[in-house]
Amino acid sequence: MASSFLRSALALSVIFSLSMPVVQAADNARTTDSEPATLFEGYQGVLPCTDCDGIDTRIRLNDDGSFVETDTYLQGRSGQLFADYGRWTRQGEKLILTSSNGDVQSYQVRPDSLLMLDQDDKPLPDEHQYVLQGAEVALPSDPMSVRGMYTPRATGAVLQDCATGLTFTLQGESKALQAAYRKAAQKLHGKDPQKPLLVELTAHFADKPDKAGDSDEVSASSVLVVDSLEGFVPAEQCQSEEE
């Protein structure tokens, strides 16, 4: 009887030991499945187009929460290129891009790609055509319209962008821009011309070579390179387009 009990105990022990790796593997699988996919710094792909051969779309995600996107229309529209920027946020497996003009586009985050979603956050028909692959994407040099609060500094002017709320160090600041600021600021502020003033310009983003010289107010991980000045406007702060 004792030997029968020992055989039964041994059999149970073998069954239990064999089942352990299966349970652990299942637990590990659940843990792996629950981990969110890692975002790439850049994504690139050719998206469908109704009147051209496709749209070469490139997105650069910056660690300060901003993004820059370029869309190049192939063939049918003579290589037209559009550049825009804005802020990105992540909600679980969904990446949300809000452009500088308030347009919102959502993507499903996959291990090595982004899947474009419709306005209801559902995959589009023929979803395999709406995929951007993780890739190395450089910041484009194409000028974009930028609107923000310009403030002169001894170490270089800064601009608090109206669209993203980020504060950028300015590069390529011309004497014409500085002179236009002084003229507008003195008219608005009189004897205190160092206050922020709303400016509209065209600019592009560039990687910041060194953060050591940044002041505490600079929150952006890239610099803003001024291409041309549109002008200063008589406003004390950023205002939305609806106001």
Protein backbone atom coordinates (compact mmCIF):
# COMPACT_ATOMS: atom_id res chain seq x y z
CA MET A 1 0.00 0.00 0.00
CA ALA A 2 2.89 2.33 0.83
CA SER A 3 4.48 1.59 -2.53
CA SER A 4 1.15 2.34 -4.29
CA PHE A 5 0.97 5.69 -2.47
CA LEU A 6 4.55 6.51 -3.46
CA ARG A 7 3.83 5.67 -7.11
CA SER A 8 0.76 7.94 -7.10
CA ALA A 9 2.68 10.79 -5.47
CA LEU A 10 5.52 10.40 -7.96
CA ALA A 11 3.08 10.47 -10.88
CA LEU A 12 1.42 13.63 -9.58
CA SER A 13 4.82 15.22 -9.08
CA VAL A 14 5.81 14.46 -12.68
CA ILE A 15 2.51 15.83 -14.05
CA PHE A 16 2.83 19.00 -11.95
CA SER A 17 6.44 19.57 -12.99
CA LEU A 18 5.55 19.10 -16.66
CA SER A 19 2.68 21.58 -16.43
CA MET A 20 4.76 24.31 -14.78
CA PRO A 21 6.61 25.49 -17.91
CA VAL A 22 3.29 25.67 -19.81
CA VAL A 23 1.73 27.90 -17.14
CA GLN A 24 4.84 30.06 -16.93
CA ALA A 25 5.00 30.33 -20.72
CA ALA A 26 1.35 31.42 -20.81
CA ASP A 27 2.03 34.02 -18.11
CA ASN A 28 5.06 35.27 -20.01
CA ALA A 29 3.03 35.49 -23.21
CA ARG A 30 0.35 37.54 -21.47
CA THR A 31 3.04 39.85 -20.06
CA THR A 32 4.64 40.28 -23.48
CA ASP A 33 1.28 40.91 -25.17
CA SER A 34 0.40 43.59 -22.63
CA GLU A 35 3.61 45.56 -23.19
CA PRO A 36 3.01 48.55 -25.51
CA ALA A 37 4.92 48.63 -28.76
CA THR A 38 7.92 50.96 -28.73
CA LEU A 39 7.65 54.06 -30.89
CA PHE A 40 10.28 54.74 -33.53
CA GLU A 41 11.70 58.24 -33.88
CA GLY A 42 10.60 58.28 -37.50
CA TYR A 43 8.12 56.63 -39.86
CA GLN A 44 7.94 56.59 -43.66
CA GLY A 45 5.70 55.14 -46.34
CA VAL A 46 3.79 55.84 -49.56
CA LEU A 47 0.07 56.34 -48.94
CA PRO A 48 -2.71 56.12 -51.56
CA CYS A 49 -3.63 59.21 -53.61
CA THR A 50 -6.71 59.80 -55.81
CA ASP A 51 -4.99 62.05 -58.38
CA CYS A 52 -1.34 61.02 -58.17
CA ASP A 53 0.84 57.91 -57.89
CA GLY A 54 1.04 58.12 -54.12
CA ILE A 55 1.98 60.37 -51.22
CA ASP A 56 5.45 59.89 -49.76
CA THR A 57 4.74 60.57 -46.08
CA ARG A 58 7.51 61.03 -43.51
CA ILE A 59 6.91 61.69 -39.81
CA ARG A 60 9.55 62.62 -37.26
CA LEU A 61 8.56 62.30 -33.59
CA ASN A 62 10.60 64.47 -31.20
CA ASP A 63 11.02 63.57 -27.54
CA ASP A 64 9.59 66.94 -26.46
CA GLY A 65 6.15 65.89 -27.76
CA SER A 66 6.35 67.70 -31.10
CA PHE A 67 6.35 66.17 -34.57
CA VAL A 68 7.19 67.27 -38.11
CA GLU A 69 5.54 65.73 -41.18
CA THR A 70 6.20 66.06 -44.89
CA ASP A 71 3.87 64.81 -47.64
CA THR A 72 5.31 64.66 -51.15
CA TYR A 73 2.86 63.99 -53.98
CA LEU A 74 4.40 61.69 -56.57
CA GLN A 75 4.08 62.06 -60.36
CA GLY A 76 0.53 63.31 -60.99
CA ARG A 77 0.92 66.53 -58.97
CA SER A 78 4.47 67.33 -60.03
CA GLY A 79 6.17 66.42 -56.77
CA GLN A 80 4.28 68.95 -54.66
CA LEU A 81 5.52 68.91 -51.07
CA PHE A 82 3.66 70.01 -47.96
CA ALA A 83 5.30 70.30 -44.54
CA ASP A 84 3.58 70.75 -41.19
CA TYR A 85 4.25 70.26 -37.52
CA GLY A 86 2.36 69.91 -34.25
CA ARG A 87 2.12 67.83 -31.09
CA TRP A 88 1.88 64.08 -30.63
CA THR A 89 0.35 62.12 -27.77
CA ARG A 90 -0.06 58.43 -27.13
CA GLN A 91 -3.08 56.65 -25.67
CA GLY A 92 -2.28 52.97 -25.26
CA GLU A 93 -1.76 51.57 -28.76
CA LYS A 94 -2.97 54.77 -30.45
CA LEU A 95 -0.74 57.62 -31.61
CA ILE A 96 -2.52 60.97 -32.04
CA LEU A 97 -1.02 63.75 -34.16
CA THR A 98 -2.50 67.24 -33.81
CA SER A 99 -1.16 69.56 -36.50
CA SER A 100 -0.44 73.27 -36.16
CA ASN A 101 -3.84 74.11 -37.66
CA GLY A 102 -5.72 71.75 -35.35
CA ASP A 103 -6.22 68.78 -37.71
CA VAL A 104 -6.07 65.41 -35.93
CA GLN A 105 -4.86 62.11 -37.37
CA SER A 106 -4.67 58.87 -35.39
CA TYR A 107 -2.55 55.79 -35.99
CA GLN A 108 -2.46 52.33 -34.44
CA VAL A 109 0.99 51.64 -33.05
CA ARG A 110 2.41 48.30 -34.18
CA PRO A 111 5.80 46.75 -33.29
CA ASP A 112 7.55 48.16 -36.38
CA SER A 113 4.97 50.39 -38.06
CA LEU A 114 1.98 52.73 -37.82
CA LEU A 115 -1.45 51.93 -39.29
CA MET A 116 -3.51 54.97 -40.30
CA LEU A 117 -7.00 55.07 -38.76
CA ASP A 118 -10.20 56.78 -39.90
CA GLN A 119 -12.13 59.45 -37.99
CA ASP A 120 -13.70 56.71 -35.84
CA ASP A 121 -10.26 55.29 -35.01
CA LYS A 122 -10.89 52.22 -37.13
CA PRO A 123 -8.65 50.79 -39.88
CA LEU A 124 -9.34 52.12 -43.38
CA PRO A 125 -10.42 49.82 -46.25
CA ASP A 126 -7.40 48.09 -47.80
CA GLU A 127 -5.56 48.84 -44.57
CA HIS A 128 -2.31 47.33 -45.85
CA GLN A 129 -1.99 50.40 -48.10
CA TYR A 130 -2.08 52.79 -45.13
CA VAL A 131 1.03 51.63 -43.27
CA LEU A 132 4.09 53.69 -42.36
CA GLN A 133 7.19 51.71 -41.48
CA GLY A 134 9.60 52.67 -38.72
CA ALA A 135 12.57 54.42 -40.34
CA GLU A 136 15.29 56.98 -39.79
CA VAL A 137 13.73 60.32 -40.74
CA ALA A 138 15.68 63.58 -40.74
CA LEU A 139 14.06 66.89 -39.86
CA PRO A 140 13.10 68.53 -43.18
CA SER A 141 14.45 71.92 -44.25
CA ASP A 142 11.19 72.89 -45.92
CA PRO A 143 9.81 76.22 -44.60
CA MET A 144 6.59 76.11 -42.56
CA SER A 145 4.35 78.88 -41.26
CA VAL A 146 5.04 79.46 -37.57
CA ARG A 147 3.26 81.77 -35.14
CA GLY A 148 4.48 82.49 -31.63
CA MET A 149 5.69 84.87 -28.95
CA TYR A 150 9.12 86.28 -29.79
CA THR A 151 11.38 87.34 -26.90
CA PRO A 152 14.90 88.76 -27.36
CA ARG A 153 17.66 87.38 -25.16
CA ALA A 154 21.31 88.28 -24.73
CA THR A 155 22.24 84.73 -25.77
CA GLY A 156 19.76 84.68 -28.67
CA ALA A 157 16.03 85.13 -29.14
CA VAL A 158 13.49 82.49 -28.19
CA LEU A 159 10.01 81.84 -29.52
CA GLN A 160 7.11 80.24 -27.65
CA ASP A 161 5.16 78.50 -30.39
CA CYS A 162 1.40 79.05 -30.36
CA ALA A 163 0.59 75.63 -31.85
CA THR A 164 2.64 73.39 -29.53
CA GLY A 165 3.28 75.60 -26.51
CA LEU A 166 6.96 74.71 -26.74
CA THR A 167 9.70 77.33 -26.47
CA PHE A 168 12.37 77.17 -29.17
CA THR A 169 15.78 78.74 -29.51
CA LEU A 170 15.88 80.72 -32.77
CA GLN A 171 18.64 80.37 -35.34
CA GLY A 172 19.13 82.38 -38.49
CA GLU A 173 17.75 85.48 -36.82
CA SER A 174 18.38 88.41 -39.17
CA LYS A 175 19.03 92.06 -38.42
CA ALA A 176 15.79 92.83 -40.24
CA LEU A 177 13.88 90.64 -37.77
CA GLN A 178 15.54 92.30 -34.79
CA ALA A 179 14.86 95.78 -36.20
CA ALA A 180 11.22 94.93 -36.90
CA TYR A 181 10.82 93.67 -33.34
CA ARG A 182 12.32 96.82 -31.81
CA LYS A 183 10.05 99.03 -33.90
CA ALA A 184 6.87 97.08 -33.06
CA ALA A 185 7.80 96.57 -29.39
CA GLN A 186 8.55 100.24 -28.75
CA LYS A 187 5.24 101.18 -30.31
CA LEU A 188 3.33 98.73 -28.11
CA HIS A 189 5.36 98.76 -24.88
CA GLY A 190 7.04 102.15 -24.92
CA LYS A 191 10.04 102.21 -22.63
CA ASP A 192 10.01 98.45 -21.98
CA PRO A 193 10.74 96.93 -25.40
CA GLN A 194 11.98 93.56 -24.11
CA LYS A 195 8.52 92.04 -23.62
CA PRO A 196 7.31 89.11 -25.76
CA LEU A 197 5.60 90.04 -29.00
CA LEU A 198 3.55 87.90 -31.36
CA VAL A 199 5.32 87.20 -34.65
CA GLU A 200 4.47 85.32 -37.83
CA LEU A 201 7.31 83.85 -39.87
CA THR A 202 8.35 80.91 -41.99
CA ALA A 203 10.90 78.54 -40.48
CA HIS A 204 12.05 74.97 -40.33
CA PHE A 205 13.24 72.74 -37.51
CA ALA A 206 16.76 71.43 -37.01
CA ASP A 207 18.34 69.06 -34.52
CA LYS A 208 19.82 70.85 -31.55
CA PRO A 209 23.62 70.43 -31.53
CA ASP A 210 24.06 71.06 -27.82
CA LYS A 211 21.65 71.66 -24.94
CA ALA A 212 24.28 72.97 -22.57
CA GLY A 213 23.66 76.61 -23.49
CA ASP A 214 19.88 76.47 -23.20
CA SER A 215 18.08 78.67 -20.71
CA ASP A 216 15.53 77.08 -18.38
CA GLU A 217 12.65 78.43 -20.49
CA VAL A 218 13.66 76.44 -23.59
CA SER A 219 11.49 73.30 -23.65
CA ALA A 220 11.95 72.09 -27.24
CA SER A 221 14.45 69.40 -28.22
CA SER A 222 15.08 71.05 -31.61
CA VAL A 223 15.85 74.59 -32.76
CA LEU A 224 13.78 76.79 -35.04
CA VAL A 225 15.65 78.16 -38.05
CA VAL A 226 14.11 81.37 -39.41
CA ASP A 227 13.64 81.45 -43.20
CA SER A 228 11.68 84.68 -43.60
CA LEU A 229 9.71 87.21 -41.57
CA GLU A 230 6.02 87.73 -42.26
CA GLY A 231 5.63 90.40 -39.60
CA PHE A 232 4.79 91.24 -36.01
CA VAL A 233 1.10 91.53 -35.12
CA PRO A 234 -0.55 93.75 -32.48
CA ALA A 235 -1.39 91.11 -29.89
CA GLU A 236 -0.08 90.45 -26.38
CA GLN A 237 -0.32 86.66 -26.51
CA CYS A 238 -1.12 83.64 -28.67
CA GLN A 239 -4.77 83.39 -29.60
CA SER A 240 -6.69 80.59 -31.27
CA GLU A 241 -8.01 81.00 -34.79
CA GLU A 242 -11.59 80.91 -33.50
CA GLU A 243 -11.12 83.97 -31.32
